[in-house]
Amino acid sequence: MATSLVGGLIAAGADPASILVAEPDEDRRSILSQQFGVATTGDNLEALQQDVVVLAVKPQMMQTVCRQLSGSDRAGHPLYVSIAAGLRTDAITRWLGQEAALVRCMPNTPALIGCGATALYANDAVSEAQKQLADEILRAAGITTWVQQEGLLDVVTALSGSGPAYFFLLMEAMQNSAVELGLDQETANRLTLQTALGAARMASESGVAAEELRARVTSRGGTTAAAVASFEQNGFHYNVSKALRSAYERSRELADELGRIT
């Protein structure tokens, strides 16, 4: 995710020299420097000289990194942006220091190709100018939206955070079913992927609600109507709702577990 943000920022016009990547692995630092022309360091504390510090580490490593940053006499007052899944702001600020300005983000994997959907939440220490700066950084990986209550990030996790897997699952099922009906695998894959892409673009670019788009291609008594009726008879909407609720509840459980780290 950090790599996608760096690439997106540079593609959007950011000066590579203004970006500093703190990475403990020497080989990885070399690759990033050669690929993007950014400055790199093996010392996390050097990042404290930047206006924004993006915390792109595994949740299990966050406490160690934050304690290191907060204990440095080099610490200024940067904006911290966390893209670590599941860690709430109260835990991160406990490790950084309660006065830390922190934006917590929930991106998804399409951010890796610049097509992500990221929700952001800011604690009370974040200024409007800092919110705008965080938004500009995350927009390098796709669209952004802000939530006013941190708990809504658990809903976002269930919707867009986990959402790509739901579509992949549907595509997988469509491909397999087409093969069972006689298509070769390559043809089934190509048609499924293009259909998914086309449907997403229609929904995104037309400005028409998904319900209306679905109705427009569902002629009474036709093939689409037969398929949609089968979905509904097997509890499609109920199953989707149940799946998102399961992801939502698991997101809350994980946040509670990670937040108990002291």
C-alpha atoms as a PDB file:
ATOM      1  CA  MET A   1       0.000   0.000   0.000  1.00  0.00           C
ATOM      2  CA  ALA A   2       2.837   2.386   0.793  1.00  0.00           C
ATOM      3  CA  THR A   3       4.359   1.675  -2.613  1.00  0.00           C
ATOM      4  CA  SER A   4       1.061   2.427  -4.337  1.00  0.00           C
ATOM      5  CA  LEU A   5       0.778   5.731  -2.475  1.00  0.00           C
ATOM      6  CA  VAL A   6       4.315   6.739  -3.449  1.00  0.00           C
ATOM      7  CA  GLY A   7       3.688   5.847  -7.082  1.00  0.00           C
ATOM      8  CA  GLY A   8       0.334   7.619  -7.094  1.00  0.00           C
ATOM      9  CA  LEU A   9       1.721  10.798  -5.554  1.00  0.00           C
ATOM     10  CA  ILE A  10       4.534  10.998  -8.088  1.00  0.00           C
ATOM     11  CA  ALA A  11       2.123  10.315 -10.956  1.00  0.00           C
ATOM     12  CA  ALA A  12      -0.007  13.178  -9.635  1.00  0.00           C
ATOM     13  CA  GLY A  13       2.956  15.554  -9.814  1.00  0.00           C
ATOM     14  CA  ALA A  14       4.632  15.288  -6.415  1.00  0.00           C
ATOM     15  CA  ASP A  15       8.402  15.889  -6.349  1.00  0.00           C
ATOM     16  CA  PRO A  16      10.100  12.547  -5.547  1.00  0.00           C
ATOM     17  CA  ALA A  17      12.706  14.473  -3.534  1.00  0.00           C
ATOM     18  CA  SER A  18       9.963  15.567  -1.120  1.00  0.00           C
ATOM     19  CA  ILE A  19       9.120  11.962  -0.223  1.00  0.00           C
ATOM     20  CA  LEU A  20      11.158  10.067   2.360  1.00  0.00           C
ATOM     21  CA  VAL A  21      10.580   6.326   2.793  1.00  0.00           C
ATOM     22  CA  ALA A  22      11.715   4.719   6.052  1.00  0.00           C
ATOM     23  CA  GLU A  23      12.232   1.022   5.357  1.00  0.00           C
ATOM     24  CA  PRO A  24      14.316  -1.392   7.477  1.00  0.00           C
ATOM     25  CA  ASP A  25      15.124  -3.724   4.589  1.00  0.00           C
ATOM     26  CA  GLU A  26      18.142  -2.465   2.610  1.00  0.00           C
ATOM     27  CA  ASP A  27      17.223  -4.297  -0.597  1.00  0.00           C
ATOM     28  CA  ARG A  28      13.699  -2.864  -0.472  1.00  0.00           C
ATOM     29  CA  ARG A  29      15.089   0.636   0.054  1.00  0.00           C
ATOM     30  CA  SER A  30      17.292   0.240  -3.001  1.00  0.00           C
ATOM     31  CA  ILE A  31      14.378  -0.911  -5.153  1.00  0.00           C
ATOM     32  CA  LEU A  32      12.175   2.001  -4.057  1.00  0.00           C
ATOM     33  CA  SER A  33      14.940   4.518  -4.644  1.00  0.00           C
ATOM     34  CA  GLN A  34      15.633   3.206  -8.145  1.00  0.00           C
ATOM     35  CA  GLN A  35      11.962   2.829  -9.061  1.00  0.00           C
ATOM     36  CA  PHE A  36      10.714   6.222  -7.873  1.00  0.00           C
ATOM     37  CA  GLY A  37      13.761   8.395  -7.201  1.00  0.00           C
ATOM     38  CA  VAL A  38      12.627   9.012  -3.609  1.00  0.00           C
ATOM     39  CA  ALA A  39      14.884   9.450  -0.623  1.00  0.00           C
ATOM     40  CA  THR A  40      15.098   6.426   1.654  1.00  0.00           C
ATOM     41  CA  THR A  41      16.395   5.706   5.123  1.00  0.00           C
ATOM     42  CA  GLY A  42      16.665   2.804   7.521  1.00  0.00           C
ATOM     43  CA  ASP A  43      15.976   5.125  10.470  1.00  0.00           C
ATOM     44  CA  ASN A  44      12.299   5.707  11.284  1.00  0.00           C
ATOM     45  CA  LEU A  45      13.166   8.795  13.306  1.00  0.00           C
ATOM     46  CA  GLU A  46      14.275  10.674  10.187  1.00  0.00           C
ATOM     47  CA  ALA A  47      10.641  10.627   9.055  1.00  0.00           C
ATOM     48  CA  LEU A  48       9.781  12.972  11.925  1.00  0.00           C
ATOM     49  CA  GLN A  49      11.242  15.850   9.921  1.00  0.00           C
ATOM     50  CA  GLN A  50       8.373  15.521   7.426  1.00  0.00           C
ATOM     51  CA  ASP A  51       5.033  17.343   7.666  1.00  0.00           C
ATOM     52  CA  VAL A  52       3.174  14.046   7.277  1.00  0.00           C
ATOM     53  CA  VAL A  53       4.194  10.627   8.574  1.00  0.00           C
ATOM     54  CA  VAL A  54       2.307   7.729   7.012  1.00  0.00           C
ATOM     55  CA  LEU A  55       2.227   4.722   9.329  1.00  0.00           C
ATOM     56  CA  ALA A  56       2.209   1.867   6.821  1.00  0.00           C
ATOM     57  CA  VAL A  57       3.147  -1.011   9.108  1.00  0.00           C
ATOM     58  CA  LYS A  58       1.487  -4.229  10.216  1.00  0.00           C
ATOM     59  CA  PRO A  59      -0.926  -3.713  13.138  1.00  0.00           C
ATOM     60  CA  GLN A  60       1.205  -5.998  15.315  1.00  0.00           C
ATOM     61  CA  MET A  61       4.229  -3.710  14.751  1.00  0.00           C
ATOM     62  CA  MET A  62       2.423  -0.418  15.304  1.00  0.00           C
ATOM     63  CA  GLN A  63       3.058  -0.111  19.042  1.00  0.00           C
ATOM     64  CA  THR A  64       6.815  -0.631  18.623  1.00  0.00           C
ATOM     65  CA  VAL A  65       7.063   1.949  15.840  1.00  0.00           C
ATOM     66  CA  CYS A  66       4.885   4.524  17.608  1.00  0.00           C
ATOM     67  CA  ARG A  67       6.754   4.176  20.917  1.00  0.00           C
ATOM     68  CA  GLN A  68      10.007   4.731  19.032  1.00  0.00           C
ATOM     69  CA  LEU A  69       8.678   7.856  17.346  1.00  0.00           C
ATOM     70  CA  SER A  70       7.142   9.311  20.491  1.00  0.00           C
ATOM     71  CA  GLY A  71      10.306   8.778  22.523  1.00  0.00           C
ATOM     72  CA  SER A  72      12.547  10.720  20.175  1.00  0.00           C
ATOM     73  CA  ASP A  73      13.786  14.221  20.938  1.00  0.00           C
ATOM     74  CA  ARG A  74      13.622  14.804  17.181  1.00  0.00           C
ATOM     75  CA  ALA A  75       9.852  14.617  17.250  1.00  0.00           C
ATOM     76  CA  GLY A  76       8.113  17.688  15.888  1.00  0.00           C
ATOM     77  CA  HIS A  77       4.368  17.881  15.402  1.00  0.00           C
ATOM     78  CA  PRO A  78       3.698  16.024  12.150  1.00  0.00           C
ATOM     79  CA  LEU A  79       0.363  14.744  10.980  1.00  0.00           C
ATOM     80  CA  TYR A  80       0.245  10.982  11.392  1.00  0.00           C
ATOM     81  CA  VAL A  81      -1.748   8.972   8.859  1.00  0.00           C
ATOM     82  CA  SER A  82      -2.405   5.329   9.752  1.00  0.00           C
ATOM     83  CA  ILE A  83      -3.358   2.790   7.093  1.00  0.00           C
ATOM     84  CA  ALA A  84      -3.042  -0.128   9.523  1.00  0.00           C
ATOM     85  CA  ALA A  85      -6.240  -2.175   9.543  1.00  0.00           C
ATOM     86  CA  GLY A  86      -8.148  -2.549  12.789  1.00  0.00           C
ATOM     87  CA  LEU A  87      -6.203  -0.197  15.042  1.00  0.00           C
ATOM     88  CA  ARG A  88      -8.370   2.537  16.513  1.00  0.00           C
ATOM     89  CA  THR A  89      -7.153   6.065  17.096  1.00  0.00           C
ATOM     90  CA  ASP A  90      -7.249   5.773  20.905  1.00  0.00           C
ATOM     91  CA  ALA A  91      -4.694   2.937  20.809  1.00  0.00           C
ATOM     92  CA  ILE A  92      -2.381   4.689  18.330  1.00  0.00           C
ATOM     93  CA  THR A  93      -2.467   8.023  20.161  1.00  0.00           C
ATOM     94  CA  ARG A  94      -1.829   6.203  23.432  1.00  0.00           C
ATOM     95  CA  TRP A  95       1.445   5.013  21.917  1.00  0.00           C
ATOM     96  CA  LEU A  96       2.297   8.238  20.091  1.00  0.00           C
ATOM     97  CA  GLY A  97       1.146  10.649  22.764  1.00  0.00           C
ATOM     98  CA  GLN A  98      -2.377  11.916  23.341  1.00  0.00           C
ATOM     99  CA  GLU A  99      -1.676  15.231  21.596  1.00  0.00           C
ATOM    100  CA  ALA A 100      -0.834  13.540  18.266  1.00  0.00           C
ATOM    101  CA  ALA A 101      -2.778  14.671  15.202  1.00  0.00           C
ATOM    102  CA  LEU A 102      -3.945  11.407  13.631  1.00  0.00           C
ATOM    103  CA  VAL A 103      -5.954  10.428  10.569  1.00  0.00           C
ATOM    104  CA  ARG A 104      -7.001   6.806  10.372  1.00  0.00           C
ATOM    105  CA  CYS A 105      -7.701   5.348   6.918  1.00  0.00           C
ATOM    106  CA  MET A 106      -9.430   2.248   5.599  1.00  0.00           C
ATOM    107  CA  PRO A 107      -8.245   1.646   2.010  1.00  0.00           C
ATOM    108  CA  ASN A 108      -8.808  -1.459  -0.114  1.00  0.00           C
ATOM    109  CA  THR A 109      -6.618  -3.537  -2.408  1.00  0.00           C
ATOM    110  CA  PRO A 110      -7.579  -1.847  -5.734  1.00  0.00           C
ATOM    111  CA  ALA A 111      -5.573   1.092  -4.363  1.00  0.00           C
ATOM    112  CA  LEU A 112      -2.584  -0.880  -5.608  1.00  0.00           C
ATOM    113  CA  ILE A 113      -3.606   0.021  -9.170  1.00  0.00           C
ATOM    114  CA  GLY A 114      -4.907   3.512  -8.398  1.00  0.00           C
ATOM    115  CA  CYS A 115      -8.557   2.419  -8.239  1.00  0.00           C
ATOM    116  CA  GLY A 116      -8.971   2.251  -4.491  1.00  0.00           C
ATOM    117  CA  ALA A 117     -11.758   3.440  -2.237  1.00  0.00           C
ATOM    118  CA  THR A 118     -10.546   4.895   1.046  1.00  0.00           C
ATOM    119  CA  ALA A 119     -12.511   6.204   4.016  1.00  0.00           C
ATOM    120  CA  LEU A 120     -10.793   8.544   6.471  1.00  0.00           C
ATOM    121  CA  TYR A 121     -11.430   9.619  10.049  1.00  0.00           C
ATOM    122  CA  ALA A 122      -9.604  12.440  11.875  1.00  0.00           C
ATOM    123  CA  ASN A 123      -9.181  12.903  15.593  1.00  0.00           C
ATOM    124  CA  ASP A 124      -9.801  16.296  17.202  1.00  0.00           C
ATOM    125  CA  ALA A 125      -6.142  17.332  16.967  1.00  0.00           C
ATOM    126  CA  VAL A 126      -6.220  17.363  13.144  1.00  0.00           C
ATOM    127  CA  SER A 127      -6.645  20.785  11.528  1.00  0.00           C
ATOM    128  CA  GLU A 128      -8.632  21.429   8.366  1.00  0.00           C
ATOM    129  CA  ALA A 129      -5.399  22.031   6.473  1.00  0.00           C
ATOM    130  CA  GLN A 130      -4.073  18.678   7.671  1.00  0.00           C
ATOM    131  CA  LYS A 131      -7.295  16.937   6.659  1.00  0.00           C
ATOM    132  CA  GLN A 132      -6.894  18.364   3.173  1.00  0.00           C
ATOM    133  CA  LEU A 133      -3.291  17.161   3.058  1.00  0.00           C
ATOM    134  CA  ALA A 134      -4.277  13.634   4.136  1.00  0.00           C
ATOM    135  CA  ASP A 135      -7.026  13.617   1.537  1.00  0.00           C
ATOM    136  CA  GLU A 136      -4.588  14.612  -1.215  1.00  0.00           C
ATOM    137  CA  ILE A 137      -2.237  11.778  -0.239  1.00  0.00           C
ATOM    138  CA  LEU A 138      -4.901   9.071  -0.205  1.00  0.00           C
ATOM    139  CA  ARG A 139      -6.514  10.347  -3.415  1.00  0.00           C
ATOM    140  CA  ALA A 140      -3.288   9.302  -5.120  1.00  0.00           C
ATOM    141  CA  ALA A 141      -4.613   5.742  -4.775  1.00  0.00           C
ATOM    142  CA  GLY A 142      -8.257   6.314  -5.785  1.00  0.00           C
ATOM    143  CA  ILE A 143     -11.344   8.013  -4.350  1.00  0.00           C
ATOM    144  CA  THR A 144     -11.677   9.200  -0.751  1.00  0.00           C
ATOM    145  CA  THR A 145     -14.532   9.888   1.623  1.00  0.00           C
ATOM    146  CA  TRP A 146     -14.614  11.081   5.248  1.00  0.00           C
ATOM    147  CA  VAL A 147     -16.638   9.669   8.125  1.00  0.00           C
ATOM    148  CA  GLN A 148     -17.467  11.683  11.242  1.00  0.00           C
ATOM    149  CA  GLN A 149     -17.664   8.716  13.612  1.00  0.00           C
ATOM    150  CA  GLU A 150     -14.762   6.305  13.900  1.00  0.00           C
ATOM    151  CA  GLY A 151     -17.092   3.342  14.411  1.00  0.00           C
ATOM    152  CA  LEU A 152     -18.307   3.770  10.833  1.00  0.00           C
ATOM    153  CA  LEU A 153     -14.892   2.573   9.636  1.00  0.00           C
ATOM    154  CA  ASP A 154     -16.032  -0.908  10.691  1.00  0.00           C
ATOM    155  CA  VAL A 155     -18.917  -0.554   8.225  1.00  0.00           C
ATOM    156  CA  VAL A 156     -16.466   0.670   5.588  1.00  0.00           C
ATOM    157  CA  THR A 157     -14.285  -2.354   6.278  1.00  0.00           C
ATOM    158  CA  ALA A 158     -17.254  -4.647   5.632  1.00  0.00           C
ATOM    159  CA  LEU A 159     -18.283  -2.757   2.488  1.00  0.00           C
ATOM    160  CA  SER A 160     -15.264  -1.542   0.526  1.00  0.00           C
ATOM    161  CA  GLY A 161     -12.405  -2.950   2.583  1.00  0.00           C
ATOM    162  CA  SER A 162     -13.518  -6.555   2.154  1.00  0.00           C
ATOM    163  CA  GLY A 163     -15.737  -5.812  -0.843  1.00  0.00           C
ATOM    164  CA  PRO A 164     -13.277  -6.668  -3.632  1.00  0.00           C
ATOM    165  CA  ALA A 165     -13.293 -10.288  -2.434  1.00  0.00           C
ATOM    166  CA  TYR A 166     -17.078 -10.430  -2.807  1.00  0.00           C
ATOM    167  CA  PHE A 167     -16.832  -9.442  -6.458  1.00  0.00           C
ATOM    168  CA  PHE A 168     -13.936 -11.840  -7.022  1.00  0.00           C
ATOM    169  CA  LEU A 169     -16.074 -14.614  -5.536  1.00  0.00           C
ATOM    170  CA  LEU A 170     -18.949 -13.798  -7.898  1.00  0.00           C
ATOM    171  CA  MET A 171     -16.589 -13.689 -10.876  1.00  0.00           C
ATOM    172  CA  GLU A 172     -15.086 -17.015  -9.861  1.00  0.00           C
ATOM    173  CA  ALA A 173     -18.545 -18.597  -9.650  1.00  0.00           C
ATOM    174  CA  MET A 174     -19.592 -17.141 -13.019  1.00  0.00           C
ATOM    175  CA  GLN A 175     -16.435 -18.399 -14.707  1.00  0.00           C
ATOM    176  CA  ASN A 176     -16.790 -21.887 -13.275  1.00  0.00           C
ATOM    177  CA  SER A 177     -20.465 -22.099 -14.188  1.00  0.00           C
ATOM    178  CA  ALA A 178     -19.782 -21.001 -17.771  1.00  0.00           C
ATOM    179  CA  VAL A 179     -17.149 -23.721 -18.095  1.00  0.00           C
ATOM    180  CA  GLU A 180     -19.619 -26.286 -16.752  1.00  0.00           C
ATOM    181  CA  LEU A 181     -22.047 -25.158 -19.477  1.00  0.00           C
ATOM    182  CA  GLY A 182     -19.458 -25.678 -22.212  1.00  0.00           C
ATOM    183  CA  LEU A 183     -17.247 -22.595 -22.607  1.00  0.00           C
ATOM    184  CA  ASP A 184     -13.487 -22.989 -22.460  1.00  0.00           C
ATOM    185  CA  GLN A 185     -11.765 -21.458 -19.431  1.00  0.00           C
ATOM    186  CA  GLU A 186     -10.066 -18.596 -21.286  1.00  0.00           C
ATOM    187  CA  THR A 187     -13.265 -17.438 -22.949  1.00  0.00           C
ATOM    188  CA  ALA A 188     -15.227 -17.712 -19.710  1.00  0.00           C
ATOM    189  CA  ASN A 189     -12.578 -15.677 -17.885  1.00  0.00           C
ATOM    190  CA  ARG A 190     -12.342 -12.932 -20.515  1.00  0.00           C
ATOM    191  CA  LEU A 191     -16.092 -12.486 -20.814  1.00  0.00           C
ATOM    192  CA  THR A 192     -16.587 -12.467 -17.060  1.00  0.00           C
ATOM    193  CA  LEU A 193     -13.872  -9.882 -16.440  1.00  0.00           C
ATOM    194  CA  GLN A 194     -15.066  -7.571 -19.196  1.00  0.00           C
ATOM    195  CA  THR A 195     -18.657  -7.885 -18.010  1.00  0.00           C
ATOM    196  CA  ALA A 196     -17.623  -6.958 -14.470  1.00  0.00           C
ATOM    197  CA  LEU A 197     -15.567  -4.020 -15.742  1.00  0.00           C
ATOM    198  CA  GLY A 198     -18.352  -2.800 -18.013  1.00  0.00           C
ATOM    199  CA  ALA A 199     -21.000  -3.049 -15.310  1.00  0.00           C
ATOM    200  CA  ALA A 200     -18.806  -1.156 -12.838  1.00  0.00           C
ATOM    201  CA  ARG A 201     -18.117   1.599 -15.361  1.00  0.00           C
ATOM    202  CA  MET A 202     -21.802   1.923 -16.232  1.00  0.00           C
ATOM    203  CA  ALA A 203     -22.697   2.230 -12.549  1.00  0.00           C
ATOM    204  CA  SER A 204     -19.868   4.707 -11.917  1.00  0.00           C
ATOM    205  CA  GLU A 205     -20.246   6.911 -14.997  1.00  0.00           C
ATOM    206  CA  SER A 206     -23.983   6.918 -15.695  1.00  0.00           C
ATOM    207  CA  GLY A 207     -25.130   8.486 -12.444  1.00  0.00           C
ATOM    208  CA  VAL A 208     -28.017   5.995 -12.408  1.00  0.00           C
ATOM    209  CA  ALA A 209     -28.743   3.935  -9.290  1.00  0.00           C
ATOM    210  CA  ALA A 210     -27.748   0.270  -9.391  1.00  0.00           C
ATOM    211  CA  GLU A 211     -31.366  -0.768  -8.837  1.00  0.00           C
ATOM    212  CA  GLU A 212     -32.478   1.138 -11.955  1.00  0.00           C
ATOM    213  CA  LEU A 213     -29.601  -0.184 -14.074  1.00  0.00           C
ATOM    214  CA  ARG A 214     -30.500  -3.709 -13.045  1.00  0.00           C
ATOM    215  CA  ALA A 215     -34.149  -3.107 -13.959  1.00  0.00           C
ATOM    216  CA  ARG A 216     -33.195  -1.725 -17.385  1.00  0.00           C
ATOM    217  CA  VAL A 217     -31.439  -4.934 -18.412  1.00  0.00           C
ATOM    218  CA  THR A 218     -34.039  -7.264 -16.906  1.00  0.00           C
ATOM    219  CA  SER A 219     -36.717  -7.773 -19.533  1.00  0.00           C
ATOM    220  CA  ARG A 220     -39.887  -9.471 -18.328  1.00  0.00           C
ATOM    221  CA  GLY A 221     -39.774 -13.161 -19.153  1.00  0.00           C
ATOM    222  CA  GLY A 222     -36.215 -12.991 -20.491  1.00  0.00           C
ATOM    223  CA  THR A 223     -32.969 -14.707 -19.605  1.00  0.00           C
ATOM    224  CA  THR A 224     -31.793 -12.040 -17.154  1.00  0.00           C
ATOM    225  CA  ALA A 225     -35.138 -12.141 -15.364  1.00  0.00           C
ATOM    226  CA  ALA A 226     -34.795 -15.904 -14.960  1.00  0.00           C
ATOM    227  CA  ALA A 227     -31.332 -15.534 -13.434  1.00  0.00           C
ATOM    228  CA  VAL A 228     -32.351 -12.668 -11.114  1.00  0.00           C
ATOM    229  CA  ALA A 229     -35.410 -14.616  -9.966  1.00  0.00           C
ATOM    230  CA  SER A 230     -33.157 -17.557  -9.106  1.00  0.00           C
ATOM    231  CA  PHE A 231     -30.882 -15.281  -7.086  1.00  0.00           C
ATOM    232  CA  GLU A 232     -33.831 -13.860  -5.172  1.00  0.00           C
ATOM    233  CA  GLN A 233     -35.432 -17.248  -4.529  1.00  0.00           C
ATOM    234  CA  ASN A 234     -32.177 -18.328  -2.892  1.00  0.00           C
ATOM    235  CA  GLY A 235     -32.031 -15.318  -0.580  1.00  0.00           C
ATOM    236  CA  PHE A 236     -29.517 -13.175  -2.454  1.00  0.00           C
ATOM    237  CA  HIS A 237     -30.185  -9.901  -0.622  1.00  0.00           C
ATOM    238  CA  TYR A 238     -30.389 -11.652   2.730  1.00  0.00           C
ATOM    239  CA  ASN A 239     -27.101 -13.470   2.160  1.00  0.00           C
ATOM    240  CA  VAL A 240     -25.312 -10.277   1.118  1.00  0.00           C
ATOM    241  CA  SER A 241     -26.653  -8.455   4.170  1.00  0.00           C
ATOM    242  CA  LYS A 242     -25.623 -11.314   6.437  1.00  0.00           C
ATOM    243  CA  ALA A 243     -22.133 -11.406   4.894  1.00  0.00           C
ATOM    244  CA  LEU A 244     -21.541  -7.676   5.409  1.00  0.00           C
ATOM    245  CA  ARG A 245     -22.791  -7.882   8.993  1.00  0.00           C
ATOM    246  CA  SER A 246     -20.401 -10.778   9.653  1.00  0.00           C
ATOM    247  CA  ALA A 247     -17.476  -8.736   8.298  1.00  0.00           C
ATOM    248  CA  TYR A 248     -18.602  -5.697  10.314  1.00  0.00           C
ATOM    249  CA  GLU A 249     -18.799  -7.645  13.566  1.00  0.00           C
ATOM    250  CA  ARG A 250     -15.404  -9.273  12.932  1.00  0.00           C
ATOM    251  CA  SER A 251     -13.871  -5.851  12.267  1.00  0.00           C
ATOM    252  CA  ARG A 252     -15.107  -4.648  15.663  1.00  0.00           C
ATOM    253  CA  GLU A 253     -13.797  -7.782  17.367  1.00  0.00           C
ATOM    254  CA  LEU A 254     -10.348  -7.373  15.809  1.00  0.00           C
ATOM    255  CA  ALA A 255     -10.207  -3.707  16.813  1.00  0.00           C
ATOM    256  CA  ASP A 256     -11.060  -4.673  20.397  1.00  0.00           C
ATOM    257  CA  GLU A 257      -8.347  -7.352  20.389  1.00  0.00           C
ATOM    258  CA  LEU A 258      -5.662  -5.091  18.922  1.00  0.00           C
ATOM    259  CA  GLY A 259      -6.660  -2.222  21.212  1.00  0.00           C
ATOM    260  CA  ARG A 260      -5.900  -4.316  24.277  1.00  0.00           C
ATOM    261  CA  ILE A 261      -2.194  -4.212  23.376  1.00  0.00           C
ATOM    262  CA  THR A 262      -0.535  -1.955  25.962  1.00  0.00           C
END
